């Protein structure tokens, strides 16, 4: 019984950490994965390097993106920061 009383604050702290840190991080990761999986040809994205590019082709692990009319490059899906929604 004494052990339970001494462990109770640690258990409460772990529960608080789960709901304040781990769970929101898991939800954010899930939203990001869904956003990347929903990308299709013609979408505009912002890369981790800050480039605004058009998705040209979606592959399993890569995206072919158009930087300008003449330049198409391959980009890993992990390098996608977010979808561009006319933020300017």
C-alpha atoms as a PDB file:
ATOM      1  CA  UNK A   1       0.000   0.000   0.000  1.00  0.00           C
ATOM      2  CA  UNK A   2       2.838   2.378   0.813  1.00  0.00           C
ATOM      3  CA  UNK A   3       4.442   1.662  -2.568  1.00  0.00           C
ATOM      4  CA  UNK A   4       1.240   2.653  -4.373  1.00  0.00           C
ATOM      5  CA  UNK A   5       1.124   5.963  -2.542  1.00  0.00           C
ATOM      6  CA  UNK A   6       4.706   6.736  -3.507  1.00  0.00           C
ATOM      7  CA  UNK A   7       4.217   5.738  -7.161  1.00  0.00           C
ATOM      8  CA  UNK A   8       0.949   7.622  -7.645  1.00  0.00           C
ATOM      9  CA  UNK A   9       2.588  11.017  -8.449  1.00  0.00           C
ATOM     10  CA  UNK A  10       4.777   9.360 -11.109  1.00  0.00           C
ATOM     11  CA  UNK A  11       1.809   7.615 -12.686  1.00  0.00           C
ATOM     12  CA  UNK A  12      -0.123  10.896 -12.772  1.00  0.00           C
ATOM     13  CA  UNK A  13       2.901  12.645 -14.317  1.00  0.00           C
ATOM     14  CA  UNK A  14       3.174   9.978 -17.030  1.00  0.00           C
ATOM     15  CA  UNK A  15      -0.537  10.333 -17.838  1.00  0.00           C
ATOM     16  CA  UNK A  16      -0.226  14.120 -18.068  1.00  0.00           C
ATOM     17  CA  UNK A  17       2.848  13.813 -20.317  1.00  0.00           C
ATOM     18  CA  UNK A  18       0.965  11.425 -22.588  1.00  0.00           C
ATOM     19  CA  UNK A  19      -1.959  13.811 -23.110  1.00  0.00           C
ATOM     20  CA  UNK A  20       0.157  16.984 -23.378  1.00  0.00           C
ATOM     21  CA  UNK A  21       3.109  15.740 -25.433  1.00  0.00           C
ATOM     22  CA  UNK A  22       2.879  12.287 -26.990  1.00  0.00           C
ATOM     23  CA  UNK A  23      -0.734  12.192 -28.149  1.00  0.00           C
ATOM     24  CA  UNK A  24      -0.681  15.591 -29.940  1.00  0.00           C
ATOM     25  CA  UNK A  25       2.591  14.628 -31.613  1.00  0.00           C
ATOM     26  CA  UNK A  26       1.055  11.364 -32.862  1.00  0.00           C
ATOM     27  CA  UNK A  27      -1.971  13.245 -34.206  1.00  0.00           C
ATOM     28  CA  UNK A  28       0.266  15.766 -36.001  1.00  0.00           C
ATOM     29  CA  UNK A  29       2.286  12.939 -37.560  1.00  0.00           C
ATOM     30  CA  UNK A  30      -0.926  11.270 -38.723  1.00  0.00           C
ATOM     31  CA  UNK A  31      -2.222  14.525 -40.301  1.00  0.00           C
ATOM     32  CA  UNK A  32       1.099  15.073 -42.079  1.00  0.00           C
ATOM     33  CA  UNK A  33       1.081  11.530 -43.485  1.00  0.00           C
ATOM     34  CA  UNK A  34      -2.500  11.964 -44.701  1.00  0.00           C
ATOM     35  CA  UNK A  35      -1.590  15.282 -46.355  1.00  0.00           C
ATOM     36  CA  UNK A  36       1.399  13.738 -48.139  1.00  0.00           C
ATOM     37  CA  UNK A  37      -0.636  10.698 -49.220  1.00  0.00           C
ATOM     38  CA  UNK A  38      -3.355  12.973 -50.645  1.00  0.00           C
ATOM     39  CA  UNK A  39      -0.980  14.922 -52.927  1.00  0.00           C
ATOM     40  CA  UNK A  40      -1.768  14.678 -56.610  1.00  0.00           C
ATOM     41  CA  UNK A  41      -0.509  16.099 -59.874  1.00  0.00           C
ATOM     42  CA  UNK A  42      -0.970  19.862 -60.047  1.00  0.00           C
ATOM     43  CA  UNK A  43      -0.886  20.518 -56.281  1.00  0.00           C
ATOM     44  CA  UNK A  44       1.477  23.216 -55.059  1.00  0.00           C
ATOM     45  CA  UNK A  45       3.722  22.370 -52.117  1.00  0.00           C
ATOM     46  CA  UNK A  46       6.383  24.077 -50.058  1.00  0.00           C
ATOM     47  CA  UNK A  47       9.531  22.025 -49.563  1.00  0.00           C
ATOM     48  CA  UNK A  48      11.603  21.869 -46.397  1.00  0.00           C
ATOM     49  CA  UNK A  49      14.084  24.117 -48.215  1.00  0.00           C
ATOM     50  CA  UNK A  50      11.419  26.767 -48.801  1.00  0.00           C
ATOM     51  CA  UNK A  51      10.795  26.224 -52.522  1.00  0.00           C
ATOM     52  CA  UNK A  52       7.252  26.500 -53.841  1.00  0.00           C
ATOM     53  CA  UNK A  53       6.856  23.843 -56.527  1.00  0.00           C
ATOM     54  CA  UNK A  54       4.135  22.045 -58.494  1.00  0.00           C
ATOM     55  CA  UNK A  55       3.672  18.292 -58.125  1.00  0.00           C
ATOM     56  CA  UNK A  56       4.277  16.737 -61.544  1.00  0.00           C
ATOM     57  CA  UNK A  57       4.136  13.014 -60.730  1.00  0.00           C
ATOM     58  CA  UNK A  58       3.464  11.045 -57.538  1.00  0.00           C
ATOM     59  CA  UNK A  59       5.477   7.867 -56.965  1.00  0.00           C
ATOM     60  CA  UNK A  60       5.684   5.485 -54.002  1.00  0.00           C
ATOM     61  CA  UNK A  61       8.588   7.178 -52.181  1.00  0.00           C
ATOM     62  CA  UNK A  62       9.236  10.231 -54.340  1.00  0.00           C
ATOM     63  CA  UNK A  63       7.502  13.139 -55.970  1.00  0.00           C
ATOM     64  CA  UNK A  64       8.541  14.560 -59.306  1.00  0.00           C
ATOM     65  CA  UNK A  65       8.106  18.304 -58.989  1.00  0.00           C
ATOM     66  CA  UNK A  66       8.241  21.164 -61.471  1.00  0.00           C
ATOM     67  CA  UNK A  67      10.402  24.060 -60.379  1.00  0.00           C
ATOM     68  CA  UNK A  68       9.712  26.012 -63.568  1.00  0.00           C
ATOM     69  CA  UNK A  69       8.502  25.199 -67.083  1.00  0.00           C
ATOM     70  CA  UNK A  70      11.747  23.438 -68.040  1.00  0.00           C
ATOM     71  CA  UNK A  71      12.978  21.882 -64.791  1.00  0.00           C
ATOM     72  CA  UNK A  72      11.536  18.734 -63.218  1.00  0.00           C
ATOM     73  CA  UNK A  73      13.323  17.198 -60.222  1.00  0.00           C
ATOM     74  CA  UNK A  74      12.681  14.291 -57.874  1.00  0.00           C
ATOM     75  CA  UNK A  75      11.953  15.024 -54.233  1.00  0.00           C
ATOM     76  CA  UNK A  76      11.548  12.647 -51.306  1.00  0.00           C
ATOM     77  CA  UNK A  77       8.159  12.794 -49.642  1.00  0.00           C
ATOM     78  CA  UNK A  78       9.873  13.567 -46.330  1.00  0.00           C
ATOM     79  CA  UNK A  79      11.083  16.875 -47.809  1.00  0.00           C
ATOM     80  CA  UNK A  80       7.514  18.199 -48.148  1.00  0.00           C
ATOM     81  CA  UNK A  81       6.899  20.831 -45.488  1.00  0.00           C
ATOM     82  CA  UNK A  82       3.256  21.607 -46.290  1.00  0.00           C
ATOM     83  CA  UNK A  83       0.733  22.168 -49.028  1.00  0.00           C
ATOM     84  CA  UNK A  84       0.729  25.671 -50.517  1.00  0.00           C
ATOM     85  CA  UNK A  85      -2.680  27.339 -50.228  1.00  0.00           C
ATOM     86  CA  UNK A  86      -2.090  30.804 -51.796  1.00  0.00           C
ATOM     87  CA  UNK A  87      -0.699  32.112 -48.527  1.00  0.00           C
ATOM     88  CA  UNK A  88       0.628  35.361 -49.960  1.00  0.00           C
END
